[in-house]
N, C-alpha and C. Protein backbone atom coordinates (compact mmCIF):
# COMPACT_ATOMS: atom_id res chain seq x y z
N MET A 1 0.84 -1.18 0.00
CA MET A 1 0.00 0.00 0.00
C MET A 1 0.89 1.25 0.00
N LYS A 2 0.54 2.19 -0.84
CA LYS A 2 1.31 3.43 -0.91
C LYS A 2 0.83 4.38 0.18
N LYS A 3 1.76 5.18 0.67
CA LYS A 3 1.44 6.13 1.70
C LYS A 3 2.03 7.48 1.32
N TYR A 4 1.25 8.53 1.53
CA TYR A 4 1.66 9.87 1.16
C TYR A 4 1.53 10.81 2.35
N LYS A 5 2.34 11.86 2.33
CA LYS A 5 2.17 12.98 3.25
C LYS A 5 1.51 14.07 2.42
N VAL A 6 0.40 14.62 2.89
CA VAL A 6 -0.35 15.62 2.14
C VAL A 6 -0.48 16.89 2.98
N ILE A 7 -0.22 18.03 2.34
CA ILE A 7 -0.42 19.32 2.97
C ILE A 7 -1.48 20.05 2.17
N ALA A 8 -2.58 20.42 2.84
CA ALA A 8 -3.72 21.04 2.16
C ALA A 8 -3.97 22.44 2.69
N LYS A 9 -4.29 23.35 1.77
CA LYS A 9 -4.73 24.69 2.17
C LYS A 9 -6.24 24.65 2.26
N VAL A 10 -6.76 24.84 3.47
CA VAL A 10 -8.19 24.66 3.69
C VAL A 10 -8.93 25.97 3.95
N GLU A 11 -8.22 27.00 4.31
CA GLU A 11 -8.79 28.33 4.52
C GLU A 11 -7.78 29.36 4.05
N GLN A 12 -8.15 30.62 4.15
CA GLN A 12 -7.28 31.69 3.66
C GLN A 12 -5.86 31.60 4.25
N ASP A 13 -5.76 31.29 5.54
CA ASP A 13 -4.45 31.23 6.19
C ASP A 13 -4.28 29.98 7.04
N LYS A 14 -4.93 28.89 6.66
CA LYS A 14 -4.84 27.65 7.45
C LYS A 14 -4.46 26.47 6.56
N PHE A 15 -3.46 25.72 7.00
CA PHE A 15 -3.01 24.52 6.31
C PHE A 15 -3.14 23.34 7.26
N VAL A 16 -3.42 22.16 6.71
CA VAL A 16 -3.46 20.93 7.50
C VAL A 16 -2.55 19.90 6.85
N LYS A 17 -2.00 19.02 7.67
CA LYS A 17 -1.08 17.99 7.20
C LYS A 17 -1.62 16.63 7.61
N HIS A 18 -1.67 15.68 6.67
CA HIS A 18 -2.18 14.34 6.95
C HIS A 18 -1.33 13.28 6.27
N ASN A 19 -1.35 12.07 6.84
CA ASN A 19 -0.81 10.89 6.17
C ASN A 19 -1.98 10.22 5.46
N VAL A 20 -1.81 9.94 4.16
CA VAL A 20 -2.92 9.51 3.33
C VAL A 20 -2.54 8.25 2.56
N ASN A 21 -3.48 7.31 2.44
CA ASN A 21 -3.29 6.10 1.63
C ASN A 21 -4.07 6.17 0.32
N ASN A 22 -5.19 6.88 0.29
CA ASN A 22 -6.08 6.91 -0.86
C ASN A 22 -6.44 8.36 -1.18
N LEU A 23 -6.01 8.87 -2.33
CA LEU A 23 -6.23 10.27 -2.67
C LEU A 23 -7.70 10.58 -2.95
N LEU A 24 -8.45 9.62 -3.48
CA LEU A 24 -9.87 9.86 -3.76
C LEU A 24 -10.66 10.00 -2.45
N LEU A 25 -10.39 9.14 -1.49
CA LEU A 25 -11.07 9.24 -0.20
C LEU A 25 -10.66 10.51 0.53
N TYR A 26 -9.42 10.91 0.40
CA TYR A 26 -8.95 12.14 1.04
C TYR A 26 -9.67 13.35 0.45
N THR A 27 -9.89 13.37 -0.85
CA THR A 27 -10.61 14.47 -1.48
C THR A 27 -12.04 14.55 -0.95
N ARG A 28 -12.69 13.40 -0.78
CA ARG A 28 -14.03 13.38 -0.21
C ARG A 28 -14.04 13.91 1.22
N TYR A 29 -13.01 13.52 1.99
CA TYR A 29 -12.88 14.03 3.36
C TYR A 29 -12.76 15.55 3.36
N LEU A 30 -11.92 16.09 2.47
CA LEU A 30 -11.76 17.54 2.41
C LEU A 30 -13.09 18.22 2.07
N ASP A 31 -13.84 17.65 1.14
CA ASP A 31 -15.13 18.23 0.76
C ASP A 31 -16.09 18.32 1.95
N LYS A 32 -16.07 17.31 2.81
CA LYS A 32 -16.97 17.31 3.97
C LYS A 32 -16.45 18.20 5.10
N ALA A 33 -15.17 18.06 5.43
CA ALA A 33 -14.61 18.76 6.58
C ALA A 33 -14.27 20.22 6.28
N PHE A 34 -13.83 20.50 5.06
CA PHE A 34 -13.39 21.84 4.67
C PHE A 34 -13.95 22.17 3.29
N PRO A 35 -15.22 22.52 3.17
CA PRO A 35 -15.83 22.73 1.86
C PRO A 35 -15.13 23.79 1.01
N GLN A 36 -14.41 24.70 1.63
CA GLN A 36 -13.74 25.77 0.88
C GLN A 36 -12.26 25.48 0.64
N TRP A 37 -11.84 24.21 0.71
CA TRP A 37 -10.42 23.90 0.50
C TRP A 37 -10.00 24.34 -0.90
N ARG A 38 -8.72 24.72 -1.03
CA ARG A 38 -8.24 25.27 -2.30
C ARG A 38 -7.35 24.30 -3.07
N TYR A 39 -6.34 23.74 -2.38
CA TYR A 39 -5.43 22.81 -3.06
C TYR A 39 -4.74 21.94 -2.04
N PHE A 40 -4.10 20.86 -2.54
CA PHE A 40 -3.22 20.07 -1.67
C PHE A 40 -2.04 19.56 -2.48
N ASN A 41 -0.90 19.51 -1.80
CA ASN A 41 0.34 18.99 -2.36
C ASN A 41 0.58 17.61 -1.79
N VAL A 42 1.05 16.69 -2.65
CA VAL A 42 1.27 15.30 -2.26
C VAL A 42 2.78 15.02 -2.27
N PHE A 43 3.27 14.48 -1.17
CA PHE A 43 4.69 14.14 -1.03
C PHE A 43 4.82 12.66 -0.73
N GLU A 44 5.95 12.07 -1.12
CA GLU A 44 6.17 10.68 -0.73
C GLU A 44 6.35 10.64 0.78
N TYR A 45 5.83 9.61 1.41
CA TYR A 45 5.89 9.49 2.86
C TYR A 45 7.27 9.00 3.29
N THR A 46 7.88 9.75 4.20
CA THR A 46 9.10 9.31 4.88
C THR A 46 8.94 9.65 6.35
N LYS A 47 9.56 8.88 7.20
CA LYS A 47 9.42 9.12 8.64
C LYS A 47 9.99 10.47 9.06
N ASP A 48 11.04 10.91 8.38
CA ASP A 48 11.65 12.19 8.76
C ASP A 48 10.98 13.38 8.06
N GLY A 49 10.01 13.12 7.18
CA GLY A 49 9.27 14.20 6.53
C GLY A 49 9.99 14.88 5.39
N SER A 50 11.01 14.23 4.83
CA SER A 50 11.80 14.87 3.77
C SER A 50 11.50 14.30 2.39
N GLY A 51 10.31 13.71 2.21
CA GLY A 51 9.95 13.12 0.92
C GLY A 51 9.78 14.18 -0.16
N MET A 52 10.05 13.79 -1.40
CA MET A 52 9.93 14.76 -2.48
C MET A 52 8.48 14.86 -2.95
N GLN A 53 8.15 16.02 -3.53
CA GLN A 53 6.78 16.25 -3.99
C GLN A 53 6.47 15.41 -5.21
N LEU A 54 5.31 14.74 -5.17
CA LEU A 54 4.89 13.87 -6.26
C LEU A 54 3.81 14.50 -7.13
N GLY A 55 3.05 15.43 -6.58
CA GLY A 55 1.99 16.05 -7.35
C GLY A 55 1.24 17.08 -6.54
N ASN A 56 0.30 17.75 -7.21
CA ASN A 56 -0.56 18.70 -6.53
C ASN A 56 -1.92 18.70 -7.21
N PHE A 57 -2.96 19.00 -6.44
CA PHE A 57 -4.32 18.97 -6.93
C PHE A 57 -5.07 20.17 -6.39
N THR A 58 -6.08 20.61 -7.13
CA THR A 58 -6.91 21.73 -6.72
C THR A 58 -8.36 21.25 -6.61
N ASN A 59 -9.21 22.16 -6.17
CA ASN A 59 -10.62 21.83 -6.06
C ASN A 59 -11.23 21.52 -7.43
N LYS A 60 -10.69 22.10 -8.48
CA LYS A 60 -11.19 21.84 -9.83
C LYS A 60 -10.39 20.76 -10.56
N ASN A 61 -9.14 20.59 -10.23
CA ASN A 61 -8.26 19.57 -10.83
C ASN A 61 -8.03 18.48 -9.78
N ARG A 62 -8.98 17.57 -9.67
CA ARG A 62 -8.95 16.55 -8.62
C ARG A 62 -8.23 15.29 -9.09
N PRO A 63 -7.75 14.48 -8.15
CA PRO A 63 -7.13 13.21 -8.53
C PRO A 63 -8.16 12.28 -9.18
N SER A 64 -7.73 11.53 -10.16
CA SER A 64 -8.64 10.58 -10.84
C SER A 64 -8.37 9.14 -10.42
N LYS A 65 -7.28 8.92 -9.67
CA LYS A 65 -6.92 7.58 -9.20
C LYS A 65 -6.59 7.65 -7.71
N MET A 66 -6.60 6.48 -7.08
CA MET A 66 -6.28 6.41 -5.66
C MET A 66 -4.81 6.73 -5.39
N TYR A 67 -3.95 6.42 -6.35
CA TYR A 67 -2.50 6.57 -6.16
C TYR A 67 -1.90 7.41 -7.28
N ILE A 68 -0.75 7.93 -7.01
CA ILE A 68 0.02 8.63 -8.05
C ILE A 68 0.99 7.65 -8.65
């Protein structure tokens, strides 16, 4: 199973960070918890948090698959 570190901008000046396995389910979570979310960046998961960026998505450009 793939694991990602995701940083999402959910309000004008608020960001949240999560560990994510499924990008489609995460997008649904954002829609429910933060209806005004703007974008999220996806990084490879590493324990020290130094994973490289794999992609980014917006409210209009959503992920089409569970994984990158």
